[in-house]
Amino acid sequence: KFNLLPHEVTVIGDRADDELIAGKELGMVTVQTLRPGVVKAEG
């Protein structure tokens, strides 16, 4: 929709098994938010 390449997009969220893994598999930059109770996920 926005005519973007994967490396031009950063995905920010807490869920390693949802938005973050989806972004990583597409080649986007991924940022995990370590809010209280969120377990840090490697990778």
Full PDB file with SEQRES, HELIX, SHEET, SSBOND, CRYST1, ORIGX, SCALE, CONECT and MASTER records, all heavy atoms in Angstrom:
SEQRES   1 A   43  LYS PHE ASN LEU LEU PRO HIS GLU VAL THR VAL ILE GLY          
SEQRES   2 A   43  ASP ARG ALA ASP ASP GLU LEU ILE ALA GLY LYS GLU LEU          
SEQRES   3 A   43  GLY MET VAL THR VAL GLN THR LEU ARG PRO GLY VAL VAL          
SEQRES   4 A   43  LYS ALA GLU GLY                                              
HELIX    1 AA1 PRO A    6  GLU A    8  5                                   3    
HELIX    2 AA2 ALA A   16  LEU A   20  3                                   5    
HELIX    3 AA3 ILE A   21  LEU A   26  1                                   6    
SHEET    1 AA1 2 THR A  10  GLY A  13  0                                        
SHEET    2 AA1 2 VAL A  29  GLN A  32  1                                        
CRYST1    1.000    1.000    1.000  90.00  90.00  90.00 P 1           1          
ORIGX1      1.000000  0.000000  0.000000        0.00000                         
ORIGX2      0.000000  1.000000  0.000000        0.00000                         
ORIGX3      0.000000  0.000000  1.000000        0.00000                         
SCALE1      1.000000  0.000000  0.000000        0.00000                         
SCALE2      0.000000  1.000000  0.000000        0.00000                         
SCALE3      0.000000  0.000000  1.000000        0.00000                         
ATOM      1  N   LYS A   1       0.823  -1.213   0.000  1.00  0.00           N  
ATOM      2  CA  LYS A   1       0.000   0.000   0.000  1.00  0.00           C  
ATOM      3  C   LYS A   1       0.854   1.259   0.000  1.00  0.00           C  
ATOM      4  O   LYS A   1       0.563   2.230  -0.712  1.00  0.00           O  
ATOM      5  CB  LYS A   1      -0.933   0.001   1.205  1.00  0.00           C  
ATOM      6  CG  LYS A   1      -1.810   1.243   1.305  1.00  0.00           C  
ATOM      7  CD  LYS A   1      -2.788   1.155   2.460  1.00  0.00           C  
ATOM      8  CE  LYS A   1      -3.680   2.385   2.506  1.00  0.00           C  
ATOM      9  NZ  LYS A   1      -4.695   2.295   3.593  1.00  0.00           N  
ATOM     10  N   PHE A   2       1.906   1.250   0.807  1.00  0.00           N  
ATOM     11  CA  PHE A   2       2.743   2.439   0.948  1.00  0.00           C  
ATOM     12  C   PHE A   2       4.031   2.363   0.124  1.00  0.00           C  
ATOM     13  O   PHE A   2       4.906   3.215   0.274  1.00  0.00           O  
ATOM     14  CB  PHE A   2       3.078   2.661   2.422  1.00  0.00           C  
ATOM     15  CG  PHE A   2       1.871   2.980   3.274  1.00  0.00           C  
ATOM     16  CD1 PHE A   2       1.492   2.132   4.305  1.00  0.00           C  
ATOM     17  CD2 PHE A   2       1.122   4.113   3.038  1.00  0.00           C  
ATOM     18  CE1 PHE A   2       0.388   2.410   5.101  1.00  0.00           C  
ATOM     19  CE2 PHE A   2       0.007   4.415   3.822  1.00  0.00           C  
ATOM     20  CZ  PHE A   2      -0.364   3.561   4.851  1.00  0.00           C  
ATOM     21  N   ASN A   3       4.132   1.328  -0.728  1.00  0.00           N  
ATOM     22  CA  ASN A   3       5.289   1.174  -1.618  1.00  0.00           C  
ATOM     23  C   ASN A   3       6.593   1.160  -0.823  1.00  0.00           C  
ATOM     24  O   ASN A   3       7.525   1.939  -1.090  1.00  0.00           O  
ATOM     25  CB  ASN A   3       5.311   2.287  -2.659  1.00  0.00           C  
ATOM     26  CG  ASN A   3       6.271   1.987  -3.796  1.00  0.00           C  
ATOM     27  OD1 ASN A   3       6.540   0.817  -4.115  1.00  0.00           O  
ATOM     28  ND2 ASN A   3       6.801   3.025  -4.420  1.00  0.00           N  
ATOM     29  N   LEU A   4       6.665   0.267   0.154  1.00  0.00           N  
ATOM     30  CA  LEU A   4       7.816   0.179   1.032  1.00  0.00           C  
ATOM     31  C   LEU A   4       8.580  -1.118   0.820  1.00  0.00           C  
ATOM     32  O   LEU A   4       8.007  -2.139   0.452  1.00  0.00           O  
ATOM     33  CB  LEU A   4       7.359   0.227   2.501  1.00  0.00           C  
ATOM     34  CG  LEU A   4       6.652   1.500   2.964  1.00  0.00           C  
ATOM     35  CD1 LEU A   4       5.984   1.271   4.305  1.00  0.00           C  
ATOM     36  CD2 LEU A   4       7.642   2.659   3.038  1.00  0.00           C  
ATOM     37  N   LEU A   5       9.888  -1.065   1.052  1.00  0.00           N  
ATOM     38  CA  LEU A   5      10.722  -2.256   1.074  1.00  0.00           C  
ATOM     39  C   LEU A   5      10.861  -2.729   2.528  1.00  0.00           C  
ATOM     40  O   LEU A   5      10.738  -1.920   3.456  1.00  0.00           O  
ATOM     41  CB  LEU A   5      12.095  -1.957   0.488  1.00  0.00           C  
ATOM     42  CG  LEU A   5      12.113  -1.544  -0.983  1.00  0.00           C  
ATOM     43  CD1 LEU A   5      13.515  -1.114  -1.390  1.00  0.00           C  
ATOM     44  CD2 LEU A   5      11.611  -2.683  -1.861  1.00  0.00           C  
ATOM     45  N   PRO A   6      11.122  -4.012   2.740  1.00  0.00           N  
ATOM     46  CA  PRO A   6      11.185  -4.518   4.124  1.00  0.00           C  
ATOM     47  C   PRO A   6      12.139  -3.746   5.031  1.00  0.00           C  
ATOM     48  O   PRO A   6      11.805  -3.455   6.191  1.00  0.00           O  
ATOM     49  CB  PRO A   6      11.654  -5.966   3.935  1.00  0.00           C  
ATOM     50  CG  PRO A   6      11.116  -6.355   2.599  1.00  0.00           C  
ATOM     51  CD  PRO A   6      11.253  -5.117   1.763  1.00  0.00           C  
ATOM     52  N   HIS A   7      13.330  -3.387   4.524  1.00  0.00           N  
ATOM     53  CA  HIS A   7      14.302  -2.705   5.385  1.00  0.00           C  
ATOM     54  C   HIS A   7      13.883  -1.276   5.718  1.00  0.00           C  
ATOM     55  O   HIS A   7      14.511  -0.621   6.561  1.00  0.00           O  
ATOM     56  CB  HIS A   7      15.690  -2.694   4.718  1.00  0.00           C  
ATOM     57  CG  HIS A   7      15.784  -1.810   3.516  1.00  0.00           C  
ATOM     58  ND1 HIS A   7      15.470  -2.239   2.249  1.00  0.00           N  
ATOM     59  CD2 HIS A   7      16.152  -0.505   3.395  1.00  0.00           C  
ATOM     60  CE1 HIS A   7      15.648  -1.258   1.390  1.00  0.00           C  
ATOM     61  NE2 HIS A   7      16.053  -0.191   2.063  1.00  0.00           N  
ATOM     62  N   GLU A   8      12.811  -0.794   5.086  1.00  0.00           N  
ATOM     63  CA  GLU A   8      12.304   0.550   5.369  1.00  0.00           C  
ATOM     64  C   GLU A   8      11.211   0.536   6.437  1.00  0.00           C  
ATOM     65  O   GLU A   8      10.649   1.574   6.758  1.00  0.00           O  
ATOM     66  CB  GLU A   8      11.744   1.172   4.085  1.00  0.00           C  
ATOM     67  CG  GLU A   8      12.796   1.381   3.004  1.00  0.00           C  
ATOM     68  CD  GLU A   8      12.217   1.859   1.701  1.00  0.00           C  
ATOM     69  OE1 GLU A   8      11.078   1.449   1.353  1.00  0.00           O  
ATOM     70  OE2 GLU A   8      12.893   2.643   1.001  1.00  0.00           O  
ATOM     71  N   VAL A   9      10.950  -0.631   6.991  1.00  0.00           N  
ATOM     72  CA  VAL A   9       9.860  -0.793   7.958  1.00  0.00           C  
ATOM     73  C   VAL A   9      10.418  -1.341   9.274  1.00  0.00           C  
ATOM     74  O   VAL A   9      11.222  -2.278   9.284  1.00  0.00           O  
ATOM     75  CB  VAL A   9       8.787  -1.761   7.421  1.00  0.00           C  
ATOM     76  CG1 VAL A   9       7.654  -1.914   8.435  1.00  0.00           C  
ATOM     77  CG2 VAL A   9       8.247  -1.281   6.078  1.00  0.00           C  
ATOM     78  N   THR A  10       9.967  -0.786  10.388  1.00  0.00           N  
ATOM     79  CA  THR A  10      10.302  -1.298  11.711  1.00  0.00           C  
ATOM     80  C   THR A  10       9.024  -1.745  12.405  1.00  0.00           C  
ATOM     81  O   THR A  10       8.042  -0.991  12.463  1.00  0.00           O  
ATOM     82  CB  THR A  10      11.001  -0.229  12.572  1.00  0.00           C  
ATOM     83  OG1 THR A  10      12.247   0.113  11.973  1.00  0.00           O  
ATOM     84  CG2 THR A  10      11.256  -0.740  13.985  1.00  0.00           C  
ATOM     85  N   VAL A  11       9.034  -2.966  12.899  1.00  0.00           N  
ATOM     86  CA  VAL A  11       7.892  -3.516  13.630  1.00  0.00           C  
ATOM     87  C   VAL A  11       8.206  -3.465  15.125  1.00  0.00           C  
ATOM     88  O   VAL A  11       9.252  -3.958  15.559  1.00  0.00           O  
ATOM     89  CB  VAL A  11       7.596  -4.971  13.205  1.00  0.00           C  
ATOM     90  CG1 VAL A  11       6.424  -5.529  14.005  1.00  0.00           C  
ATOM     91  CG2 VAL A  11       7.295  -5.024  11.715  1.00  0.00           C  
ATOM     92  N   ILE A  12       7.283  -2.899  15.895  1.00  0.00           N  
ATOM     93  CA  ILE A  12       7.506  -2.693  17.325  1.00  0.00           C  
ATOM     94  C   ILE A  12       6.371  -3.339  18.105  1.00  0.00           C  
ATOM     95  O   ILE A  12       5.191  -3.014  17.893  1.00  0.00           O  
ATOM     96  CB  ILE A  12       7.569  -1.192  17.652  1.00  0.00           C  
ATOM     97  CG1 ILE A  12       8.652  -0.521  16.802  1.00  0.00           C  
ATOM     98  CG2 ILE A  12       7.816  -0.962  19.142  1.00  0.00           C  
ATOM     99  CD1 ILE A  12       8.452   0.955  16.631  1.00  0.00           C  
ATOM    100  N   GLY A  13       6.708  -4.275  18.979  1.00  0.00           N  
ATOM    101  CA  GLY A  13       5.667  -4.948  19.762  1.00  0.00           C  
ATOM    102  C   GLY A  13       6.281  -5.865  20.799  1.00  0.00           C  
ATOM    103  O   GLY A  13       7.507  -6.003  20.898  1.00  0.00           O  
ATOM    104  N   ASP A  14       5.427  -6.539  21.554  1.00  0.00           N  
ATOM    105  CA  ASP A  14       5.907  -7.420  22.629  1.00  0.00           C  
ATOM    106  C   ASP A  14       5.893  -8.891  22.252  1.00  0.00           C  
ATOM    107  O   ASP A  14       6.625  -9.689  22.821  1.00  0.00           O  
ATOM    108  CB  ASP A  14       5.055  -7.229  23.888  1.00  0.00           C  
ATOM    109  CG  ASP A  14       3.610  -7.680  23.664  1.00  0.00           C  
ATOM    110  OD1 ASP A  14       2.948  -7.128  22.770  1.00  0.00           O  
ATOM    111  OD2 ASP A  14       3.154  -8.602  24.366  1.00  0.00           O  
ATOM    112  N   ARG A  15       5.058  -9.261  21.271  1.00  0.00           N  
ATOM    113  CA  ARG A  15       4.818 -10.666  20.991  1.00  0.00           C  
ATOM    114  C   ARG A  15       5.844 -11.261  20.032  1.00  0.00           C  
ATOM    115  O   ARG A  15       5.836 -10.992  18.835  1.00  0.00           O  
ATOM    116  CB  ARG A  15       3.417 -10.863  20.394  1.00  0.00           C  
ATOM    117  CG  ARG A  15       2.266 -10.559  21.327  1.00  0.00           C  
ATOM    118  CD  ARG A  15       2.008 -11.719  22.281  1.00  0.00           C  
ATOM    119  NE  ARG A  15       1.714 -12.949  21.570  1.00  0.00           N  
ATOM    120  CZ  ARG A  15       0.517 -13.257  21.087  1.00  0.00           C  
ATOM    121  NH1 ARG A  15      -0.494 -12.434  21.215  1.00  0.00           N  
ATOM    122  NH2 ARG A  15       0.340 -14.420  20.468  1.00  0.00           N  
ATOM    123  N   ALA A  16       6.709 -12.119  20.577  1.00  0.00           N  
ATOM    124  CA  ALA A  16       7.708 -12.785  19.741  1.00  0.00           C  
ATOM    125  C   ALA A  16       7.058 -13.726  18.741  1.00  0.00           C  
ATOM    126  O   ALA A  16       7.587 -13.936  17.638  1.00  0.00           O  
ATOM    127  CB  ALA A  16       8.692 -13.552  20.619  1.00  0.00           C  
ATOM    128  N   ASP A  17       5.917 -14.305  19.106  1.00  0.00           N  
ATOM    129  CA  ASP A  17       5.259 -15.299  18.264  1.00  0.00           C  
ATOM    130  C   ASP A  17       4.228 -14.697  17.327  1.00  0.00           C  
ATOM    131  O   ASP A  17       3.498 -15.415  16.657  1.00  0.00           O  
ATOM    132  CB  ASP A  17       4.595 -16.369  19.139  1.00  0.00           C  
ATOM    133  CG  ASP A  17       3.520 -15.785  20.052  1.00  0.00           C  
ATOM    134  OD1 ASP A  17       3.500 -14.548  20.262  1.00  0.00           O  
ATOM    135  OD2 ASP A  17       2.688 -16.563  20.564  1.00  0.00           O  
ATOM    136  N   ASP A  18       4.168 -13.381  17.248  1.00  0.00           N  
ATOM    137  CA  ASP A  18       3.138 -12.746  16.422  1.00  0.00           C  
ATOM    138  C   ASP A  18       3.766 -11.688  15.516  1.00  0.00           C  
ATOM    139  O   ASP A  18       4.369 -12.023  14.502  1.00  0.00           O  
ATOM    140  CB  ASP A  18       2.054 -12.157  17.330  1.00  0.00           C  
ATOM    141  CG  ASP A  18       0.798 -11.773  16.575  1.00  0.00           C  
ATOM    142  OD1 ASP A  18       0.609 -12.245  15.440  1.00  0.00           O  
ATOM    143  OD2 ASP A  18      -0.021 -11.007  17.129  1.00  0.00           O  
ATOM    144  N   GLU A  19       3.626 -10.417  15.881  1.00  0.00           N  
ATOM    145  CA  GLU A  19       4.099  -9.363  14.994  1.00  0.00           C  
ATOM    146  C   GLU A  19       5.612  -9.383  14.787  1.00  0.00           C  
ATOM    147  O   GLU A  19       6.098  -9.099  13.686  1.00  0.00           O  
ATOM    148  CB  GLU A  19       3.665  -7.976  15.498  1.00  0.00           C  
ATOM    149  CG  GLU A  19       4.247  -7.543  16.831  1.00  0.00           C  
ATOM    150  CD  GLU A  19       3.454  -8.020  18.024  1.00  0.00           C  
ATOM    151  OE1 GLU A  19       2.359  -8.595  17.830  1.00  0.00           O  
ATOM    152  OE2 GLU A  19       3.927  -7.806  19.145  1.00  0.00           O  
ATOM    153  N   LEU A  20       6.366  -9.743  15.821  1.00  0.00           N  
ATOM    154  CA  LEU A  20       7.821  -9.701  15.700  1.00  0.00           C  
ATOM    155  C   LEU A  20       8.365 -10.782  14.773  1.00  0.00           C  
ATOM    156  O   LEU A  20       9.211 -10.509  13.914  1.00  0.00           O  
ATOM    157  CB  LEU A  20       8.468  -9.801  17.081  1.00  0.00           C  
ATOM    158  CG  LEU A  20       8.234  -8.595  18.002  1.00  0.00           C  
ATOM    159  CD1 LEU A  20       8.813  -8.857  19.384  1.00  0.00           C  
ATOM    160  CD2 LEU A  20       8.823  -7.323  17.401  1.00  0.00           C  
ATOM    161  N   ILE A  21       7.896 -12.007  14.919  1.00  0.00           N  
ATOM    162  CA  ILE A  21       8.382 -13.066  14.038  1.00  0.00           C  
ATOM    163  C   ILE A  21       7.930 -12.824  12.605  1.00  0.00           C  
ATOM    164  O   ILE A  21       8.658 -13.114  11.650  1.00  0.00           O  
ATOM    165  CB  ILE A  21       7.930 -14.468  14.537  1.00  0.00           C  
ATOM    166  CG1 ILE A  21       8.645 -15.563  13.755  1.00  0.00           C  
ATOM    167  CG2 ILE A  21       6.426 -14.629  14.447  1.00  0.00           C  
ATOM    168  CD1 ILE A  21      10.142 -15.573  13.910  1.00  0.00           C  
ATOM    169  N   ALA A  22       6.726 -12.275  12.438  1.00  0.00           N  
ATOM    170  CA  ALA A  22       6.242 -11.953  11.093  1.00  0.00           C  
ATOM    171  C   ALA A  22       7.144 -10.907  10.438  1.00  0.00           C  
ATOM    172  O   ALA A  22       7.535 -11.032   9.275  1.00  0.00           O  
ATOM    173  CB  ALA A  22       4.802 -11.454  11.148  1.00  0.00           C  
ATOM    174  N   GLY A  23       7.486  -9.865  11.201  1.00  0.00           N  
ATOM    175  CA  GLY A  23       8.366  -8.836  10.669  1.00  0.00           C  
ATOM    176  C   GLY A  23       9.748  -9.366  10.355  1.00  0.00           C  
ATOM    177  O   GLY A  23      10.333  -9.031   9.319  1.00  0.00           O  
ATOM    178  N   LYS A  24      10.276 -10.198  11.232  1.00  0.00           N  
ATOM    179  CA  LYS A  24      11.617 -10.748  11.028  1.00  0.00           C  
ATOM    180  C   LYS A  24      11.667 -11.612   9.770  1.00  0.00           C  
ATOM    181  O   LYS A  24      12.613 -11.536   8.976  1.00  0.00           O  
ATOM    182  CB  LYS A  24      12.034 -11.569  12.241  1.00  0.00           C  
ATOM    183  CG  LYS A  24      13.455 -12.119  12.159  1.00  0.00           C  
ATOM    184  CD  LYS A  24      13.851 -12.820  13.434  1.00  0.00           C  
ATOM    185  CE  LYS A  24      15.284 -13.363  13.352  1.00  0.00           C  
ATOM    186  NZ  LYS A  24      16.263 -12.275  13.171  1.00  0.00           N  
ATOM    187  N   GLU A  25      10.649 -12.453   9.582  1.00  0.00           N  
ATOM    188  CA  GLU A  25      10.622 -13.327   8.413  1.00  0.00           C  
ATOM    189  C   GLU A  25      10.516 -12.544   7.110  1.00  0.00           C  
ATOM    190  O   GLU A  25      10.938 -13.020   6.056  1.00  0.00           O  
ATOM    191  CB  GLU A  25       9.462 -14.323   8.537  1.00  0.00           C  
ATOM    192  CG  GLU A  25       9.690 -15.368   9.626  1.00  0.00           C  
ATOM    193  CD  GLU A  25       8.507 -16.297   9.803  1.00  0.00           C  
ATOM    194  OE1 GLU A  25       7.444 -16.046   9.178  1.00  0.00           O  
ATOM    195  OE2 GLU A  25       8.632 -17.269  10.575  1.00  0.00           O  
ATOM    196  N   LEU A  26       9.973 -11.346   7.185  1.00  0.00           N  
ATOM    197  CA  LEU A  26       9.848 -10.505   5.994  1.00  0.00           C  
ATOM    198  C   LEU A  26      11.082  -9.633   5.768  1.00  0.00           C  
ATOM    199  O   LEU A  26      11.178  -8.944   4.755  1.00  0.00           O  
ATOM    200  CB  LEU A  26       8.606  -9.623   6.111  1.00  0.00           C  
ATOM    201  CG  LEU A  26       7.264 -10.341   5.997  1.00  0.00           C  
ATOM    202  CD1 LEU A  26       6.120  -9.405   6.381  1.00  0.00           C  
ATOM    203  CD2 LEU A  26       7.051 -10.873   4.579  1.00  0.00           C  
ATOM    204  N   GLY A  27      12.019  -9.646   6.714  1.00  0.00           N  
ATOM    205  CA  GLY A  27      13.225  -8.839   6.565  1.00  0.00           C  
ATOM    206  C   GLY A  27      13.098  -7.433   7.117  1.00  0.00           C  
ATOM    207  O   GLY A  27      13.928  -6.561   6.818  1.00  0.00           O  
ATOM    208  N   MET A  28      12.078  -7.191   7.942  1.00  0.00           N  
ATOM    209  CA  MET A  28      11.906  -5.880   8.561  1.00  0.00           C  
ATOM    210  C   MET A  28      12.764  -5.770   9.821  1.00  0.00           C  
ATOM    211  O   MET A  28      13.217  -6.767  10.370  1.00  0.00           O  
ATOM    212  CB  MET A  28      10.430  -5.678   8.930  1.00  0.00           C  
ATOM    213  CG  MET A  28       9.491  -5.691   7.742  1.00  0.00           C  
ATOM    214  SD  MET A  28       7.749  -5.605   8.277  1.00  0.00           S  
ATOM    215  CE  MET A  28       6.936  -5.450   6.684  1.00  0.00           C  
ATOM    216  N   VAL A  29      12.985  -4.552  10.275  1.00  0.00           N  
ATOM    217  CA  VAL A  29      13.655  -4.324  11.552  1.00  0.00           C  
ATOM    218  C   VAL A  29      12.656  -4.628  12.665  1.00  0.00           C  
ATOM    219  O   VAL A  29      11.480  -4.251  12.585  1.00  0.00           O  
ATOM    220  CB  VAL A  29      14.150  -2.870  11.672  1.00  0.00           C  
ATOM    221  CG1 VAL A  29      14.813  -2.633  13.024  1.00  0.00           C  
ATOM    222  CG2 VAL A  29      15.116  -2.544  10.535  1.00  0.00           C  
ATOM    223  N   THR A  30      13.098  -5.320  13.706  1.00  0.00           N  
ATOM    224  CA  THR A  30      12.196  -5.712  14.784  1.00  0.00           C  
ATOM    225  C   THR A  30      12.662  -5.160  16.121  1.00  0.00           C  
ATOM    226  O   THR A  30      13.852  -5.196  16.450  1.00  0.00           O  
ATOM    227  CB  THR A  30      12.085  -7.245  14.882  1.00  0.00           C  
ATOM    228  OG1 THR A  30      13.406  -7.812  14.940  1.00  0.00           O  
ATOM    229  CG2 THR A  30      11.362  -7.800  13.659  1.00  0.00           C  
ATOM    230  N   VAL A  31      11.699  -4.646  16.895  1.00  0.00           N  
ATOM    231  CA  VAL A  31      11.980  -4.069  18.210  1.00  0.00           C  
ATOM    232  C   VAL A  31      10.992  -4.657  19.211  1.00  0.00           C  
ATOM    233  O   VAL A  31       9.778  -4.470  19.078  1.00  0.00           O  
ATOM    234  CB  VAL A  31      11.838  -2.529  18.194  1.00  0.00           C  
ATOM    235  CG1 VAL A  31      12.132  -1.959  19.583  1.00  0.00           C  
ATOM    236  CG2 VAL A  31      12.751  -1.904  17.148  1.00  0.00           C  
ATOM    237  N   GLN A  32      11.500  -5.364  20.201  1.00  0.00           N  
ATOM    238  CA  GLN A  32      10.620  -5.911  21.234  1.00  0.00           C  
ATOM    239  C   GLN A  32      10.520  -4.944  22.407  1.00  0.00           C  
ATOM    240  O   GLN A  32      11.526  -4.486  22.948  1.00  0.00           O  
ATOM    241  CB  GLN A  32      11.117  -7.265  21.743  1.00  0.00           C  
ATOM    242  CG  GLN A  32      10.122  -7.919  22.706  1.00  0.00           C  
ATOM    243  CD  GLN A  32      10.588  -9.256  23.242  1.00  0.00           C  
ATOM    244  OE1 GLN A  32      11.786  -9.523  23.330  1.00  0.00           O  
ATOM    245  NE2 GLN A  32       9.639 -10.100  23.617  1.00  0.00           N  
ATOM    246  N   THR A  33       9.287  -4.636  22.794  1.00  0.00           N  
ATOM    247  CA  THR A  33       9.048  -3.780  23.953  1.00  0.00           C  
ATOM    248  C   THR A  33       9.002  -4.644  25.207  1.00  0.00           C  
ATOM    249  O   THR A  33       8.136  -5.508  25.342  1.00  0.00           O  
ATOM    250  CB  THR A  33       7.722  -3.010  23.807  1.00  0.00           C  
ATOM    251  OG1 THR A  33       6.661  -3.933  23.506  1.00  0.00           O  
ATOM    252  CG2 THR A  33       7.806  -1.989  22.692  1.00  0.00           C  
ATOM    253  N   LEU A  34       9.910  -4.416  26.103  1.00  0.00           N  
ATOM    254  CA  LEU A  34      10.018  -5.229  27.321  1.00  0.00           C  
ATOM    255  C   LEU A  34       9.228  -4.589  28.455  1.00  0.00           C  
ATOM    256  O   LEU A  34       9.787  -4.115  29.452  1.00  0.00           O  
ATOM    257  CB  LEU A  34      11.490  -5.400  27.693  1.00  0.00           C  
ATOM    258  CG  LEU A  34      12.356  -6.079  26.624  1.00  0.00           C  
ATOM    259  CD1 LEU A  34      13.799  -6.143  27.083  1.00  0.00           C  
ATOM    260  CD2 LEU A  34      11.830  -7.481  26.311  1.00  0.00           C  
ATOM    261  N   ARG A  35       7.915  -4.605  28.283  1.00  0.00           N  
ATOM    262  CA  ARG A  35       7.031  -4.094  29.331  1.00  0.00           C  
ATOM    263  C   ARG A  35       7.016  -5.082  30.504  1.00  0.00           C  
ATOM    264  O   ARG A  35       7.437  -6.241  30.356  1.00  0.00           O  
ATOM    265  CB  ARG A  35       5.619  -3.908  28.781  1.00  0.00           C  
ATOM    266  CG  ARG A  35       5.505  -2.940  27.617  1.00  0.00           C  
ATOM    267  CD  ARG A  35       5.957  -1.538  27.982  1.00  0.00           C  
ATOM    268  NE  ARG A  35       5.638  -0.572  26.931  1.00  0.00           N  
ATOM    269  CZ  ARG A  35       5.989   0.706  26.974  1.00  0.00           C  
ATOM    270  NH1 ARG A  35       6.693   1.172  27.998  1.00  0.00           N  
ATOM    271  NH2 ARG A  35       5.658   1.520  25.982  1.00  0.00           N  
ATOM    272  N   PRO A  36       6.547  -4.648  31.669  1.00  0.00           N  
ATOM    273  CA  PRO A  36       6.475  -5.561  32.813  1.00  0.00           C  
ATOM    274  C   PRO A  36       5.747  -6.855  32.462  1.00  0.00           C  
ATOM    275  O   PRO A  36       4.651  -6.825  31.899  1.00  0.00           O  
ATOM    276  CB  PRO A  36       5.697  -4.745  33.855  1.00  0.00           C  
ATOM    277  CG  PRO A  36       6.040  -3.328  33.530  1.00  0.00           C  
ATOM    278  CD  PRO A  36       6.122  -3.275  32.034  1.00  0.00           C  
ATOM    279  N   GLY A  37       6.381  -7.976  32.737  1.00  0.00           N  
ATOM    280  CA  GLY A  37       5.777  -9.270  32.449  1.00  0.00           C  
ATOM    281  C   GLY A  37       6.131  -9.842  31.103  1.00  0.00           C  
ATOM    282  O   GLY A  37       5.848 -11.012  30.829  1.00  0.00           O  
ATOM    283  N   VAL A  38       6.745  -9.050  30.233  1.00  0.00           N  
ATOM    284  CA  VAL A  38       7.134  -9.527  28.909  1.00  0.00           C  
ATOM    285  C   VAL A  38       8.497 -10.204  28.996  1.00  0.00           C  
ATOM    286  O   VAL A  38       9.452  -9.630  29.534  1.00  0.00           O  
ATOM    287  CB  VAL A  38       7.189  -8.373  27.884  1.00  0.00           C  
ATOM    288  CG1 VAL A  38       7.714  -8.873  26.547  1.00  0.00           C  
ATOM    289  CG2 VAL A  38       5.811  -7.751  27.712  1.00  0.00           C  
ATOM    290  N   VAL A  39       8.585 -11.408  28.476  1.00  0.00           N  
ATOM    291  CA  VAL A  39       9.839 -12.161  28.502  1.00  0.00           C  
ATOM    292  C   VAL A  39      10.649 -11.837  27.246  1.00  0.00           C  
ATOM    293  O   VAL A  39      10.132 -11.908  26.128  1.00  0.00           O  
ATOM    294  CB  VAL A  39       9.566 -13.681  28.574  1.00  0.00           C  
ATOM    295  CG1 VAL A  39      10.873 -14.464  28.536  1.00  0.00           C  
ATOM    296  CG2 VAL A  39       8.773 -14.015  29.838  1.00  0.00           C  
ATOM    297  N   LYS A  40      11.897 -11.492  27.431  1.00  0.00           N  
ATOM    298  CA  LYS A  40      12.758 -11.180  26.292  1.00  0.00           C  
ATOM    299  C   LYS A  40      12.950 -12.424  25.427  1.00  0.00           C  
ATOM    300  O   LYS A  40      13.258 -13.504  25.923  1.00  0.00           O  
ATOM    301  CB  LYS A  40      14.118 -10.684  26.788  1.00  0.00           C  
ATOM    302  CG  LYS A  40      15.063 -10.289  25.660  1.00  0.00           C  
ATOM    303  CD  LYS A  40      16.380  -9.755  26.212  1.00  0.00           C  
ATOM    304  CE  LYS A  40      17.341  -9.367  25.102  1.00  0.00           C  
ATOM    305  NZ  LYS A  40      18.619  -8.835  25.631  1.00  0.00           N  
ATOM    306  N   ALA A  41      12.752 -12.253  24.130  1.00  0.00           N  
ATOM    307  CA  ALA A  41      12.901 -13.354  23.182  1.00  0.00           C  
ATOM    308  C   ALA A  41      14.106 -13.090  22.292  1.00  0.00           C  
ATOM    309  O   ALA A  41      14.221 -12.017  21.700  1.00  0.00           O  
ATOM    310  CB  ALA A  41      11.636 -13.498  22.335  1.00  0.00           C  
ATOM    311  N   GLU A  42      15.005 -14.034  22.228  1.00  0.00           N  
ATOM    312  CA  GLU A  42      16.211 -13.846  21.431  1.00  0.00           C  
ATOM    313  C   GLU A  42      15.904 -13.843  19.927  1.00  0.00           C  
ATOM    314  O   GLU A  42      14.925 -14.426  19.481  1.00  0.00           O  
ATOM    315  CB  GLU A  42      17.210 -14.966  21.739  1.00  0.00           C  
ATOM    316  CG  GLU A  42      17.672 -15.008  23.192  1.00  0.00           C  
ATOM    317  CD  GLU A  42      18.369 -13.739  23.620  1.00  0.00           C  
ATOM    318  OE1 GLU A  42      19.049 -13.113  22.776  1.00  0.00           O  
ATOM    319  OE2 GLU A  42      18.243 -13.353  24.804  1.00  0.00           O  
ATOM    320  N   GLY A  43      16.770 -13.157  19.197  1.00  0.00           N  
ATOM    321  CA  GLY A  43      16.676 -13.220  17.741  1.00  0.00           C  
ATOM    322  C   GLY A  43      16.155 -11.979  17.066  1.00  0.00           C  
ATOM    323  O   GLY A  43      16.100 -11.921  15.831  1.00  0.00           O  
TER     324      GLY A  43                                                      
MASTER        0    0    0    3    2    0    0    6  323    1    0    4          
END                                                                             
